[in-house]
Amino acid sequence: MPEPRPVTEIRTVACIGAGVIGAGWAAYFLARGLRVRAWDPAPDAGEKLRRVVDAAWPALTELGLAEGADRDALSVHPTAAEAVAGADFVQESAPEDLELKRALLAELADAAVAAGPDVVVASSTSGFPMTDMATTAAEPGRLVVGHPFNPPYLIPLVEVVGGEKTEAWAASRAADFYRHIGKSVIEMERELPGFIANRLQEAIWREALHMVAAGEATPEEIDRSITDGPGLRWPVHGPCLTFHLAGGQGGMAHMLDHFGPSLKAPWTRLEAPELTPQLRDDMVAGAEVSAGGRPMAELVAERDRAVIAVRRAVAAARGTAR
């Protein structure tokens, strides 16, 4: 194919599916100064979509609207193909039904080809690999996963990964476009059911359900254990860098060598992986990459400043003193 246009020239996005995720995407695209062409089979989809956009607009305004942002730059179309016509990028957000996704993505891929040689179709699926969803598509090369975190207009993360038949340019173009409009993008090297963030979130959720079912903790206790505990650190340093700091000056290596045996303790109903020398070395090397060469004292100071800021912000939002 010819060289794709710069992602700065993507001016119109087709949002296919206008439920919670699709409408959240539409609001975000509009706030970034883009035009949105939407389609959803529900007869009142347009009305519901505009309500979501209106509800999200104050938060988007506070975050900062792009020049030319206009919530009225939104049109609703009678068919998916008509919504895609004239679009530069397609965001699919249909329900999590594999057969539905297969049929819809096949239709969208054909429509995207007609719309232009570099129009990518990104799926907001929360768990299906693109390889499984693209099985009936005649043009699977431009199909890619662009998995957001709910609500898409507020949470910056997008995980991007192609399927076995996705062309490299399509995955790269999707990732570059999301970055251009202000998203935090993870370009995954391989497909993984549930992707990265949902896998981690699901592990906590399953453990929480086990504790409630066994009468070991209440939902309120579980929520507070995160919001007033590790959740305060995670906006600053994720779980890996957090454990790197837990090792003190010895970092991740000391933490694994000292606490590694506790992986076998019955703290969780999930089976722990074997802490092989290779896994240990990979974790140590990864922590050093995350640390970016900064000394431990600098990381600790960064964490402390940010946790204090998060606590104050949460307390202010709740109207409570902390």
Protein backbone atom coordinates (compact mmCIF):
# COMPACT_ATOMS: atom_id res chain seq x y z
CA MET A 1 0.00 0.00 0.00
CA PRO A 2 1.14 3.62 -0.41
CA GLU A 3 2.64 5.45 2.56
CA PRO A 4 -0.16 6.18 5.08
CA ARG A 5 -1.03 9.80 5.72
CA PRO A 6 0.31 11.35 8.94
CA VAL A 7 -2.03 10.63 11.85
CA THR A 8 -2.36 14.41 12.26
CA GLU A 9 -4.55 14.26 9.15
CA ILE A 10 -7.08 11.97 10.83
CA ARG A 11 -9.98 14.38 11.28
CA THR A 12 -13.05 12.12 11.33
CA VAL A 13 -13.66 8.97 13.37
CA ALA A 14 -16.48 6.49 12.91
CA CYS A 15 -17.78 5.16 16.25
CA ILE A 16 -19.57 1.88 15.64
CA GLY A 17 -21.60 0.97 18.70
CA ALA A 18 -22.84 3.71 21.01
CA GLY A 19 -23.15 1.96 24.35
CA VAL A 20 -21.15 2.94 27.42
CA ILE A 21 -17.75 2.39 25.78
CA GLY A 22 -18.64 3.63 22.30
CA ALA A 23 -20.29 6.78 23.63
CA GLY A 24 -17.31 7.41 25.91
CA TRP A 25 -15.00 7.13 22.91
CA ALA A 26 -17.20 9.53 20.93
CA ALA A 27 -17.04 12.10 23.72
CA TYR A 28 -13.26 11.83 23.86
CA PHE A 29 -12.80 12.12 20.09
CA LEU A 30 -15.03 15.20 20.02
CA ALA A 31 -13.04 16.76 22.86
CA ARG A 32 -9.86 16.28 20.84
CA GLY A 33 -11.30 18.38 18.02
CA LEU A 34 -12.36 15.47 15.79
CA ARG A 35 -15.61 14.88 13.95
CA VAL A 36 -17.54 11.75 14.89
CA ARG A 37 -19.82 9.68 12.65
CA ALA A 38 -21.73 7.18 14.79
CA TRP A 39 -23.92 4.14 14.26
CA ASP A 40 -25.75 1.86 16.65
CA PRO A 41 -28.72 -0.43 15.95
CA ALA A 42 -30.75 0.84 18.92
CA PRO A 43 -33.59 3.13 17.77
CA ASP A 44 -32.80 5.73 20.45
CA ALA A 45 -29.02 5.45 20.07
CA GLY A 46 -28.55 9.04 18.97
CA GLU A 47 -30.39 10.45 21.95
CA LYS A 48 -28.49 8.25 24.42
CA LEU A 49 -25.18 9.05 22.76
CA ARG A 50 -25.71 12.78 23.06
CA ARG A 51 -26.66 12.41 26.71
CA VAL A 52 -23.38 10.64 27.43
CA VAL A 53 -21.41 13.29 25.53
CA ASP A 54 -23.16 16.06 27.46
CA ALA A 55 -22.52 14.30 30.78
CA ALA A 56 -18.82 13.80 29.96
CA TRP A 57 -18.22 17.31 28.63
CA PRO A 58 -17.62 19.07 32.00
CA ALA A 59 -14.86 16.59 32.89
CA LEU A 60 -13.36 16.86 29.41
CA THR A 61 -13.48 20.65 29.66
CA GLU A 62 -11.65 20.53 32.97
CA LEU A 63 -8.99 18.27 31.46
CA GLY A 64 -8.61 20.71 28.56
CA LEU A 65 -10.37 20.72 25.21
CA ALA A 66 -8.43 20.72 21.98
CA GLU A 67 -8.72 23.68 19.67
CA GLY A 68 -11.91 23.38 17.65
CA ALA A 69 -13.50 20.85 20.02
CA ASP A 70 -17.24 20.85 19.44
CA ARG A 71 -19.70 18.38 20.92
CA ASP A 72 -22.03 19.15 18.01
CA ALA A 73 -19.49 17.78 15.50
CA LEU A 74 -21.41 14.53 15.85
CA SER A 75 -23.65 12.82 13.34
CA VAL A 76 -25.61 9.58 13.64
CA HIS A 77 -26.07 7.40 10.55
CA PRO A 78 -28.58 4.71 9.58
CA THR A 79 -25.99 2.02 8.75
CA ALA A 80 -22.48 1.14 9.82
CA ALA A 81 -21.22 1.43 6.24
CA GLU A 82 -22.59 4.97 5.96
CA ALA A 83 -20.92 5.94 9.23
CA VAL A 84 -17.57 4.61 8.00
CA ALA A 85 -17.85 6.38 4.63
CA GLY A 86 -15.79 9.54 4.92
CA ALA A 87 -14.07 8.45 8.14
CA ASP A 88 -10.30 8.38 8.61
CA PHE A 89 -10.34 5.92 11.52
CA VAL A 90 -12.92 3.44 12.85
CA GLN A 91 -13.52 2.54 16.51
CA GLU A 92 -15.76 -0.50 16.99
CA SER A 93 -17.44 -0.91 20.39
CA ALA A 94 -20.10 -3.57 19.90
CA PRO A 95 -21.16 -5.97 22.69
CA GLU A 96 -18.78 -8.79 23.70
CA ASP A 97 -20.33 -11.46 21.51
CA LEU A 98 -17.75 -13.28 19.36
CA GLU A 99 -20.03 -14.12 16.44
CA LEU A 100 -21.41 -10.58 16.43
CA LYS A 101 -17.88 -9.17 16.46
CA ARG A 102 -16.81 -11.43 13.59
CA ALA A 103 -19.69 -10.40 11.33
CA LEU A 104 -19.44 -6.71 12.20
CA LEU A 105 -15.66 -6.46 11.84
CA ALA A 106 -15.82 -8.20 8.46
CA GLU A 107 -18.36 -5.58 7.33
CA LEU A 108 -16.33 -2.73 8.78
CA ALA A 109 -13.11 -3.92 7.15
CA ASP A 110 -14.79 -3.86 3.74
CA ALA A 111 -16.23 -0.41 4.43
CA ALA A 112 -12.83 0.83 5.58
CA VAL A 113 -11.23 -0.29 2.33
CA ALA A 114 -13.81 1.75 0.44
CA ALA A 115 -13.19 4.73 2.74
CA GLY A 116 -9.47 4.90 2.09
CA PRO A 117 -6.23 2.90 1.80
CA ASP A 118 -5.02 3.74 5.32
CA VAL A 119 -8.28 3.58 7.32
CA VAL A 120 -7.80 1.29 10.34
CA VAL A 121 -10.58 -0.49 12.21
CA ALA A 122 -9.86 -0.77 15.94
CA SER A 123 -11.95 -2.93 18.25
CA SER A 124 -12.68 -1.95 21.84
CA THR A 125 -13.05 -5.60 22.81
CA SER A 126 -12.20 -6.25 26.45
CA GLY A 127 -11.02 -9.81 25.98
CA PHE A 128 -11.19 -11.37 22.52
CA PRO A 129 -7.95 -11.70 20.51
CA MET A 130 -8.17 -10.18 17.05
CA THR A 131 -7.11 -13.48 15.51
CA ASP A 132 -10.37 -14.99 16.79
CA MET A 133 -12.50 -12.01 15.72
CA ALA A 134 -11.08 -11.63 12.19
CA THR A 135 -11.80 -15.16 10.96
CA THR A 136 -14.54 -14.15 8.48
CA ALA A 137 -13.04 -10.85 7.31
CA ALA A 138 -11.97 -10.62 3.69
CA GLU A 139 -9.69 -7.69 4.64
CA PRO A 140 -8.24 -8.64 8.05
CA GLY A 141 -5.01 -6.71 7.54
CA ARG A 142 -6.42 -3.44 8.84
CA LEU A 143 -8.17 -4.93 11.90
CA VAL A 144 -6.52 -4.25 15.26
CA VAL A 145 -7.47 -4.25 18.94
CA GLY A 146 -7.62 -0.80 20.55
CA HIS A 147 -8.74 -1.76 24.06
CA PRO A 148 -9.61 1.23 26.27
CA PHE A 149 -10.32 1.37 29.98
CA ASN A 150 -13.73 2.59 31.08
CA PRO A 151 -14.61 5.40 30.81
CA PRO A 152 -12.58 6.05 27.65
CA TYR A 153 -13.05 9.82 27.92
CA LEU A 154 -11.36 9.87 31.34
CA ILE A 155 -8.91 6.94 31.62
CA PRO A 156 -5.89 7.36 29.32
CA LEU A 157 -4.86 3.72 28.81
CA VAL A 158 -5.28 1.99 25.44
CA GLU A 159 -3.79 -1.45 24.73
CA VAL A 160 -3.03 -2.04 21.05
CA VAL A 161 -2.35 -5.44 19.53
CA GLY A 162 -2.94 -6.98 16.14
CA GLY A 163 -3.99 -10.47 15.16
CA GLU A 164 -2.12 -13.02 13.09
CA LYS A 165 -3.34 -11.38 9.87
CA THR A 166 -3.10 -7.75 10.99
CA GLU A 167 -0.58 -5.83 8.92
CA ALA A 168 2.18 -4.11 10.87
CA TRP A 169 1.35 -0.66 9.48
CA ALA A 170 -2.23 -0.90 10.81
CA ALA A 171 -1.20 -1.65 14.41
CA SER A 172 1.46 1.07 14.31
CA ARG A 173 -0.98 3.59 12.83
CA ALA A 174 -3.58 2.88 15.52
CA ALA A 175 -0.99 3.28 18.29
CA ASP A 176 0.37 6.51 16.76
CA PHE A 177 -3.14 7.93 16.40
CA TYR A 178 -4.06 7.19 20.02
CA ARG A 179 -0.82 8.81 21.20
CA HIS A 180 -1.48 11.84 19.02
CA ILE A 181 -4.86 12.42 20.71
CA GLY A 182 -3.38 12.10 24.20
CA LYS A 183 -3.80 8.46 25.14
CA SER A 184 -1.27 6.35 27.06
CA VAL A 185 -0.59 3.46 24.69
CA ILE A 186 0.79 -0.01 25.31
CA GLU A 187 1.77 -1.72 22.06
CA MET A 188 1.59 -5.38 22.98
CA GLU A 189 4.01 -7.71 21.24
CA ARG A 190 1.67 -10.69 21.31
CA GLU A 191 -1.98 -11.50 21.77
CA LEU A 192 -3.16 -12.31 25.29
CA PRO A 193 -6.78 -13.06 26.22
CA GLY A 194 -7.98 -10.18 28.38
CA PHE A 195 -4.84 -8.19 27.48
CA ILE A 196 -2.71 -6.84 30.35
CA ALA A 197 -4.82 -4.49 32.47
CA ASN A 198 -7.92 -6.68 32.49
CA ARG A 199 -5.86 -9.72 33.44
CA LEU A 200 -4.54 -7.90 36.50
CA GLN A 201 -7.91 -6.39 37.37
CA GLU A 202 -9.60 -9.78 37.02
CA ALA A 203 -7.11 -11.41 39.39
CA ILE A 204 -8.00 -8.93 42.13
CA TRP A 205 -11.72 -9.26 41.37
CA ARG A 206 -11.68 -13.06 41.60
CA GLU A 207 -9.76 -12.97 44.86
CA ALA A 208 -12.27 -10.45 46.24
CA LEU A 209 -15.18 -12.72 45.32
CA HIS A 210 -13.46 -15.66 47.01
CA MET A 211 -13.01 -13.67 50.23
CA VAL A 212 -16.64 -12.54 50.28
CA ALA A 213 -17.92 -16.05 49.49
CA ALA A 214 -15.82 -17.52 52.31
CA GLY A 215 -16.94 -14.84 54.78
CA GLU A 216 -13.36 -13.62 55.12
CA ALA A 217 -13.99 -9.98 54.24
CA THR A 218 -16.84 -7.66 53.29
CA PRO A 219 -17.04 -5.75 50.00
CA GLU A 220 -16.55 -2.49 51.94
CA GLU A 221 -13.41 -3.82 53.61
CA ILE A 222 -12.06 -5.03 50.28
CA ASP A 223 -12.68 -1.68 48.60
CA ARG A 224 -11.06 0.26 51.43
CA SER A 225 -8.09 -2.11 51.48
CA ILE A 226 -7.30 -0.90 47.96
CA THR A 227 -8.37 2.77 48.05
CA ASP A 228 -6.57 3.42 51.34
CA GLY A 229 -3.76 0.95 50.70
CA PRO A 230 -1.89 -0.07 47.52
CA GLY A 231 -4.26 1.88 45.28
CA LEU A 232 -2.68 5.10 46.51
CA ARG A 233 0.73 4.00 45.22
CA TRP A 234 -0.38 2.60 41.88
CA PRO A 235 -1.08 5.95 40.15
CA VAL A 236 2.61 6.71 40.74
CA HIS A 237 4.38 3.35 40.47
CA GLY A 238 2.74 0.17 39.20
CA PRO A 239 3.00 -3.13 41.07
CA CYS A 240 6.44 -4.01 39.68
CA LEU A 241 8.12 -0.70 40.55
CA THR A 242 6.30 -0.71 43.91
CA PHE A 243 7.94 -4.03 44.78
CA HIS A 244 11.27 -2.68 43.49
CA LEU A 245 11.03 0.00 46.18
CA ALA A 246 10.01 -2.63 48.74
CA GLY A 247 13.48 -4.13 48.36
CA GLY A 248 15.14 -0.97 49.68
CA GLN A 249 18.55 -0.20 48.25
CA GLY A 250 18.73 -3.76 46.96
CA GLY A 251 15.65 -3.14 44.82
CA MET A 252 13.81 -5.89 43.01
CA ALA A 253 16.66 -8.37 43.38
CA HIS A 254 16.62 -8.14 47.18
CA MET A 255 12.80 -8.26 47.31
CA LEU A 256 12.64 -11.44 45.23
CA ASP A 257 15.51 -13.14 47.03
CA HIS A 258 14.10 -12.24 50.46
CA PHE A 259 10.36 -12.61 49.88
CA GLY A 260 10.36 -15.11 47.03
CA PRO A 261 9.49 -18.06 49.29
CA SER A 262 6.26 -16.30 50.36
CA LEU A 263 4.95 -16.89 46.83
CA LYS A 264 4.19 -20.40 48.04
CA ALA A 265 2.31 -19.15 51.12
CA PRO A 266 -1.49 -19.62 50.97
CA TRP A 267 -2.20 -15.89 50.55
CA THR A 268 -4.10 -16.31 47.31
CA ARG A 269 -6.24 -18.86 45.55
CA LEU A 270 -4.27 -18.23 42.37
CA GLU A 271 -1.36 -20.58 41.77
CA ALA A 272 1.96 -18.74 41.85
CA PRO A 273 4.44 -19.20 38.99
CA GLU A 274 7.72 -20.91 39.75
CA LEU A 275 10.30 -18.27 40.64
CA THR A 276 12.96 -19.50 38.25
CA PRO A 277 16.31 -17.72 37.84
CA GLN A 278 15.09 -16.51 34.43
CA LEU A 279 11.90 -15.00 35.90
CA ARG A 280 13.93 -13.38 38.69
CA ASP A 281 16.38 -11.85 36.23
CA ASP A 282 13.59 -10.65 33.93
CA MET A 283 11.85 -8.92 36.85
CA VAL A 284 15.07 -7.29 38.05
CA ALA A 285 15.91 -6.05 34.56
CA GLY A 286 12.35 -4.80 34.04
CA ALA A 287 12.39 -2.88 37.31
CA GLU A 288 15.61 -1.16 36.27
CA VAL A 289 13.99 -0.13 33.00
CA SER A 290 10.96 1.27 34.87
CA ALA A 291 13.24 3.11 37.29
CA GLY A 292 14.96 4.77 34.35
CA GLY A 293 18.29 4.95 36.14
CA ARG A 294 16.88 7.09 38.97
CA PRO A 295 18.29 6.38 42.44
CA MET A 296 16.03 4.82 45.06
CA ALA A 297 15.84 8.06 47.09
CA GLU A 298 14.46 9.92 44.07
CA LEU A 299 11.85 7.22 43.44
CA VAL A 300 10.78 7.27 47.08
CA ALA A 301 10.46 11.06 47.06
CA GLU A 302 8.42 10.95 43.86
CA ARG A 303 6.11 8.33 45.32
CA ASP A 304 5.63 10.24 48.57
CA ARG A 305 4.82 13.54 46.86
CA ALA A 306 2.35 11.91 44.51
CA VAL A 307 0.61 9.80 47.17
CA ILE A 308 0.11 12.92 49.29
CA ALA A 309 -1.34 14.71 46.25
CA VAL A 310 -3.64 11.78 45.46
CA ARG A 311 -4.85 11.58 49.07
CA ARG A 312 -5.59 15.31 49.14
CA ALA A 313 -7.37 15.17 45.79
CA VAL A 314 -9.52 12.21 46.83
CA ALA A 315 -10.34 13.83 50.16
CA ALA A 316 -11.34 17.05 48.42
CA ALA A 317 -13.56 15.15 45.97
CA ARG A 318 -15.23 13.34 48.85
CA GLY A 319 -15.49 16.47 50.95
CA THR A 320 -13.66 14.78 53.81
CA ALA A 321 -10.50 15.49 55.74
CA ARG A 322 -7.69 13.00 55.44
